[in-house]
Amino acid sequence: MKNTTDFEDLLVDKYGQKGTEKRDQYDADSLAFRLGVMLKEARQQANLTQEQLAERTGTKKSYISRIERGLSDIQISTYHKLIEIGLGKNLNISIG
């Protein structure tokens, strides 16, 4: 591996430039994982089980579990519902 100066260099070395199929898949999987971790942390802080969150939002426990493990490609509207309705928190999205 060449001299790496930052994380982006590592990603390019391993998955290629943004816009390539392999890199796009990595980015999607990474986002799903990060959203899952954030949901799990917020749910645990609210002292809710996956089943309780599912009941509050009209989903299934297995779906909550898949999201938390980064195995489900979730739409923003669904994530919004889980955070705002299910957990009673505000979801803020910024584009920078």
Protein backbone atom coordinates (compact mmCIF):
# COMPACT_ATOMS: atom_id res chain seq x y z
CA MET A 1 0.00 0.00 0.00
CA LYS A 2 1.26 3.48 -0.80
CA ASN A 3 1.80 6.10 1.89
CA THR A 4 -1.67 6.90 3.12
CA THR A 5 -2.43 10.38 4.33
CA ASP A 6 -6.08 10.07 5.38
CA PHE A 7 -9.09 7.77 5.57
CA GLU A 8 -10.26 8.70 2.08
CA ASP A 9 -6.94 7.39 0.71
CA LEU A 10 -7.59 4.07 2.47
CA LEU A 11 -11.05 3.86 0.95
CA VAL A 12 -9.75 4.64 -2.53
CA ASP A 13 -7.03 2.01 -2.17
CA LYS A 14 -9.46 -0.68 -1.02
CA TYR A 15 -12.78 0.19 -2.74
CA GLY A 16 -11.92 2.64 -5.51
CA GLN A 17 -13.03 6.16 -6.28
CA LYS A 18 -16.50 7.45 -5.44
CA GLY A 19 -18.86 6.58 -8.25
CA THR A 20 -17.47 3.10 -8.85
CA GLU A 21 -19.73 0.16 -8.13
CA LYS A 22 -17.53 -1.29 -5.38
CA ARG A 23 -17.17 2.08 -3.62
CA ASP A 24 -20.87 2.90 -3.92
CA GLN A 25 -21.72 -0.42 -2.27
CA TYR A 26 -19.23 0.25 0.54
CA ASP A 27 -20.68 3.73 1.11
CA ALA A 28 -24.25 2.38 1.23
CA ASP A 29 -23.30 -0.41 3.63
CA SER A 30 -21.38 2.03 5.80
CA LEU A 31 -24.33 4.41 5.99
CA ALA A 32 -26.73 1.58 6.89
CA PHE A 33 -24.36 0.48 9.67
CA ARG A 34 -23.99 4.02 11.08
CA LEU A 35 -27.74 4.64 11.04
CA GLY A 36 -28.28 1.33 12.81
CA VAL A 37 -25.78 2.16 15.54
CA MET A 38 -27.38 5.57 16.09
CA LEU A 39 -30.86 4.03 16.30
CA LYS A 40 -29.73 1.38 18.75
CA GLU A 41 -28.01 3.94 21.00
CA ALA A 42 -31.06 6.23 20.98
CA ARG A 43 -33.41 3.32 21.67
CA GLN A 44 -31.28 2.14 24.59
CA GLN A 45 -31.08 5.68 26.00
CA ALA A 46 -34.89 5.79 25.86
CA ASN A 47 -34.95 2.48 27.79
CA LEU A 48 -36.99 0.78 25.10
CA THR A 49 -36.71 -2.73 23.75
CA GLN A 50 -36.76 -3.40 20.03
CA GLU A 51 -40.24 -4.83 20.49
CA GLN A 52 -41.51 -1.69 22.25
CA LEU A 53 -40.09 0.53 19.51
CA ALA A 54 -41.68 -1.68 16.88
CA GLU A 55 -45.07 -1.49 18.60
CA ARG A 56 -44.89 2.32 18.82
CA THR A 57 -44.11 2.66 15.13
CA GLY A 58 -46.21 -0.11 13.61
CA THR A 59 -43.23 -2.18 12.50
CA LYS A 60 -41.84 -5.54 13.55
CA LYS A 61 -39.11 -6.32 16.05
CA SER A 62 -37.21 -8.22 13.34
CA TYR A 63 -37.18 -5.08 11.18
CA ILE A 64 -35.78 -2.97 14.04
CA SER A 65 -33.15 -5.65 14.60
CA ARG A 66 -32.13 -5.65 10.92
CA ILE A 67 -31.81 -1.86 10.94
CA GLU A 68 -29.72 -1.87 14.10
CA ARG A 69 -27.38 -4.45 12.59
CA GLY A 70 -27.01 -2.41 9.39
CA LEU A 71 -28.72 -5.07 7.31
CA SER A 72 -31.61 -3.01 6.02
CA ASP A 73 -31.60 -0.16 3.53
CA ILE A 74 -33.86 2.30 5.33
CA GLN A 75 -35.70 5.26 3.84
CA ILE A 76 -35.40 8.64 5.52
CA SER A 77 -39.16 8.74 6.12
CA THR A 78 -39.00 5.45 8.00
CA TYR A 79 -35.96 6.54 10.01
CA HIS A 80 -37.80 9.79 10.81
CA LYS A 81 -40.79 7.81 12.08
CA LEU A 82 -38.61 5.60 14.28
CA ILE A 83 -36.74 8.55 15.79
CA GLU A 84 -39.51 11.12 16.16
CA ILE A 85 -42.58 8.97 16.80
CA GLY A 86 -40.96 5.91 18.31
CA LEU A 87 -38.33 7.60 20.45
CA GLY A 88 -39.80 11.09 20.82
CA LYS A 89 -36.56 12.70 19.64
CA ASN A 90 -35.85 15.19 16.87
CA LEU A 91 -34.14 14.01 13.71
CA ASN A 92 -31.92 16.69 12.20
CA ILE A 93 -30.36 16.17 8.80
CA SER A 94 -27.82 18.53 7.36
CA ILE A 95 -26.08 18.66 4.04
CA GLY A 96 -22.61 20.08 4.15
